[in-house]
């Protein structure tokens, strides 16, 4: 596997990816729409003035001392 970043088109046209999608009954057009909606939502969310919840591993790391001292 190469170190370069593939485009979505390259990934969806990869023979192995196509085989897995076929096995899982995933249609490339539906996957593309799902990813585009997620991207659009992420862009919209980044513009909003909403507090961001940190990922679980960050929260867990910051609470580790509290858990150990109980």
N, C-alpha and C. Protein backbone atom coordinates (compact mmCIF):
# COMPACT_ATOMS: atom_id res chain seq x y z
N UNK A 1 0.84 -1.18 0.00
CA UNK A 1 0.00 0.00 0.00
C UNK A 1 0.88 1.24 0.00
N UNK A 2 0.49 2.21 -0.75
CA UNK A 2 1.31 3.41 -0.87
C UNK A 2 0.99 4.39 0.26
N UNK A 3 1.86 5.36 0.42
CA UNK A 3 1.70 6.36 1.47
C UNK A 3 0.87 7.56 1.01
N UNK A 4 0.54 7.60 -0.27
CA UNK A 4 -0.19 8.77 -0.76
C UNK A 4 -1.67 8.68 -0.40
N UNK A 5 -2.32 9.82 -0.38
CA UNK A 5 -3.74 9.89 -0.06
C UNK A 5 -4.53 9.64 -1.34
N UNK A 6 -5.44 8.69 -1.29
CA UNK A 6 -6.27 8.38 -2.44
C UNK A 6 -7.50 9.27 -2.48
N UNK A 7 -8.00 9.50 -3.67
CA UNK A 7 -9.26 10.22 -3.80
C UNK A 7 -10.39 9.22 -3.57
N UNK A 8 -11.57 9.72 -3.34
CA UNK A 8 -12.73 8.86 -3.14
C UNK A 8 -12.97 8.01 -4.38
N UNK A 9 -12.82 8.60 -5.56
CA UNK A 9 -13.01 7.85 -6.80
C UNK A 9 -12.02 6.69 -6.89
N UNK A 10 -10.76 6.94 -6.52
CA UNK A 10 -9.76 5.87 -6.56
C UNK A 10 -10.11 4.76 -5.58
N UNK A 11 -10.56 5.15 -4.40
CA UNK A 11 -10.91 4.14 -3.40
C UNK A 11 -12.13 3.32 -3.82
N UNK A 12 -13.14 4.00 -4.35
CA UNK A 12 -14.35 3.28 -4.76
C UNK A 12 -14.12 2.39 -5.98
N UNK A 13 -13.10 2.69 -6.77
CA UNK A 13 -12.79 1.88 -7.95
C UNK A 13 -11.72 0.83 -7.69
N UNK A 14 -11.22 0.77 -6.46
CA UNK A 14 -10.22 -0.24 -6.11
C UNK A 14 -10.89 -1.62 -6.12
N UNK A 15 -10.27 -2.61 -6.78
CA UNK A 15 -10.89 -3.94 -6.89
C UNK A 15 -11.22 -4.58 -5.54
N UNK A 16 -10.34 -4.43 -4.55
CA UNK A 16 -10.62 -5.03 -3.23
C UNK A 16 -11.79 -4.33 -2.54
N UNK A 17 -11.82 -3.02 -2.63
CA UNK A 17 -12.92 -2.26 -2.03
C UNK A 17 -14.22 -2.63 -2.72
N UNK A 18 -14.18 -2.78 -4.02
CA UNK A 18 -15.38 -3.15 -4.77
C UNK A 18 -15.89 -4.53 -4.33
N UNK A 19 -14.98 -5.47 -4.10
CA UNK A 19 -15.38 -6.80 -3.66
C UNK A 19 -16.03 -6.76 -2.28
N UNK A 20 -15.45 -6.00 -1.37
CA UNK A 20 -16.01 -5.90 -0.03
C UNK A 20 -17.38 -5.22 -0.09
N UNK A 21 -17.49 -4.15 -0.88
CA UNK A 21 -18.78 -3.47 -0.99
C UNK A 21 -19.83 -4.39 -1.59
N UNK A 22 -19.44 -5.19 -2.58
CA UNK A 22 -20.38 -6.13 -3.19
C UNK A 22 -20.83 -7.17 -2.16
N UNK A 23 -19.88 -7.69 -1.40
CA UNK A 23 -20.21 -8.68 -0.38
C UNK A 23 -21.17 -8.10 0.65
N UNK A 24 -20.96 -6.83 1.02
CA UNK A 24 -21.78 -6.18 2.04
C UNK A 24 -23.01 -5.50 1.46
N UNK A 25 -23.19 -5.65 0.17
CA UNK A 25 -24.33 -5.04 -0.55
C UNK A 25 -24.37 -3.52 -0.38
N UNK A 26 -23.20 -2.92 -0.51
CA UNK A 26 -23.08 -1.46 -0.44
C UNK A 26 -22.92 -0.94 -1.86
N UNK A 27 -23.77 0.00 -2.21
CA UNK A 27 -23.69 0.60 -3.55
C UNK A 27 -22.78 1.82 -3.49
N UNK A 28 -21.87 1.94 -4.46
CA UNK A 28 -20.95 3.09 -4.45
C UNK A 28 -21.67 4.44 -4.43
N UNK A 29 -22.77 4.56 -5.15
CA UNK A 29 -23.49 5.85 -5.17
C UNK A 29 -24.07 6.17 -3.79
N UNK A 30 -24.57 5.17 -3.09
CA UNK A 30 -25.12 5.41 -1.76
C UNK A 30 -24.02 5.78 -0.77
N UNK A 31 -22.89 5.11 -0.88
CA UNK A 31 -21.75 5.42 0.00
C UNK A 31 -21.25 6.83 -0.26
N UNK A 32 -21.15 7.19 -1.53
CA UNK A 32 -20.70 8.54 -1.89
C UNK A 32 -21.65 9.60 -1.29
N UNK A 33 -22.96 9.37 -1.41
CA UNK A 33 -23.94 10.32 -0.86
C UNK A 33 -23.81 10.42 0.66
N UNK A 34 -23.62 9.27 1.33
CA UNK A 34 -23.45 9.26 2.78
C UNK A 34 -22.22 10.07 3.19
N UNK A 35 -21.12 9.85 2.50
CA UNK A 35 -19.88 10.57 2.82
C UNK A 35 -20.00 12.06 2.53
N UNK A 36 -20.69 12.41 1.45
CA UNK A 36 -20.88 13.83 1.13
C UNK A 36 -21.75 14.51 2.17
N UNK A 37 -22.79 13.82 2.63
CA UNK A 37 -23.65 14.40 3.68
C UNK A 37 -22.86 14.58 4.98
N UNK A 38 -22.03 13.60 5.33
CA UNK A 38 -21.21 13.70 6.54
C UNK A 38 -20.23 14.86 6.42
N UNK A 39 -19.62 15.01 5.23
CA UNK A 39 -18.68 16.12 5.03
C UNK A 39 -19.40 17.46 5.16
N UNK A 40 -20.58 17.57 4.54
CA UNK A 40 -21.33 18.82 4.59
C UNK A 40 -21.75 19.14 6.03
N UNK A 41 -22.16 18.12 6.78
CA UNK A 41 -22.55 18.33 8.16
C UNK A 41 -21.35 18.77 9.00
N UNK A 42 -20.19 18.17 8.75
CA UNK A 42 -18.99 18.55 9.49
C UNK A 42 -18.63 20.00 9.21
N UNK A 43 -18.77 20.43 7.98
CA UNK A 43 -18.49 21.82 7.63
C UNK A 43 -19.48 22.74 8.33
N UNK A 44 -20.77 22.37 8.31
CA UNK A 44 -21.79 23.18 8.98
C UNK A 44 -21.54 23.24 10.48
N UNK A 45 -21.20 22.10 11.09
CA UNK A 45 -20.96 22.06 12.53
C UNK A 45 -19.74 22.88 12.93
N UNK A 46 -18.74 22.92 12.07
CA UNK A 46 -17.54 23.67 12.42
C UNK A 46 -17.80 25.17 12.40
N UNK A 47 -18.81 25.58 11.69
CA UNK A 47 -19.15 27.01 11.63
C UNK A 47 -20.01 27.43 12.81
N UNK A 48 -20.71 26.50 13.40
CA UNK A 48 -21.64 26.83 14.48
C UNK A 48 -20.86 27.18 15.75
N UNK A 49 -21.49 28.01 16.56
CA UNK A 49 -20.89 28.38 17.84
C UNK A 49 -21.33 27.41 18.91
N UNK A 50 -21.02 26.14 18.70
CA UNK A 50 -21.39 25.11 19.66
C UNK A 50 -20.13 24.64 20.37
N UNK A 51 -20.25 24.37 21.67
CA UNK A 51 -19.08 23.82 22.34
C UNK A 51 -18.78 22.43 21.79
N UNK A 52 -17.50 22.15 21.62
CA UNK A 52 -17.12 20.87 21.07
C UNK A 52 -16.85 19.88 22.19
N UNK A 53 -17.40 18.70 22.09
CA UNK A 53 -17.15 17.64 23.05
C UNK A 53 -15.90 16.90 22.62
N UNK A 54 -14.90 16.79 23.49
CA UNK A 54 -13.67 16.11 23.09
C UNK A 54 -13.91 14.61 22.89
N UNK A 55 -13.07 13.95 22.11
CA UNK A 55 -13.21 12.51 21.91
C UNK A 55 -13.10 11.75 23.23
N UNK A 56 -13.67 10.56 23.28
CA UNK A 56 -13.73 9.78 24.52
C UNK A 56 -12.35 9.50 25.09
N UNK A 57 -11.36 9.23 24.23
CA UNK A 57 -10.04 8.91 24.76
C UNK A 57 -9.39 10.11 25.46
N UNK A 58 -9.74 11.32 25.04
CA UNK A 58 -9.21 12.52 25.68
C UNK A 58 -9.87 12.69 27.04
N UNK A 59 -11.18 12.47 27.09
CA UNK A 59 -11.90 12.58 28.36
C UNK A 59 -11.39 11.52 29.32
N UNK A 60 -11.24 10.28 28.84
CA UNK A 60 -10.77 9.19 29.69
C UNK A 60 -9.38 9.49 30.25
N UNK A 61 -8.48 10.01 29.42
CA UNK A 61 -7.13 10.31 29.87
C UNK A 61 -7.16 11.39 30.96
N UNK A 62 -8.03 12.39 30.80
CA UNK A 62 -8.07 13.47 31.77
C UNK A 62 -8.73 13.03 33.08
N UNK A 63 -9.55 11.99 33.05
CA UNK A 63 -10.23 11.51 34.25
C UNK A 63 -9.51 10.34 34.92
N UNK A 64 -8.44 9.87 34.33
CA UNK A 64 -7.75 8.70 34.83
C UNK A 64 -7.33 8.86 36.29
N UNK A 65 -6.79 10.01 36.66
CA UNK A 65 -6.34 10.22 38.04
C UNK A 65 -7.52 10.14 39.00
N UNK A 66 -8.66 10.70 38.61
CA UNK A 66 -9.83 10.65 39.46
C UNK A 66 -10.27 9.20 39.69
N UNK A 67 -10.20 8.39 38.67
CA UNK A 67 -10.62 6.99 38.79
C UNK A 67 -9.66 6.21 39.67
N UNK A 68 -8.36 6.53 39.57
CA UNK A 68 -7.37 5.77 40.34
C UNK A 68 -7.35 6.15 41.82
N UNK A 69 -7.80 7.36 42.17
CA UNK A 69 -7.72 7.81 43.55
C UNK A 69 -8.98 7.49 44.35
N UNK A 70 -9.93 6.85 43.76
CA UNK A 70 -11.15 6.52 44.48
C UNK A 70 -10.97 5.36 45.39
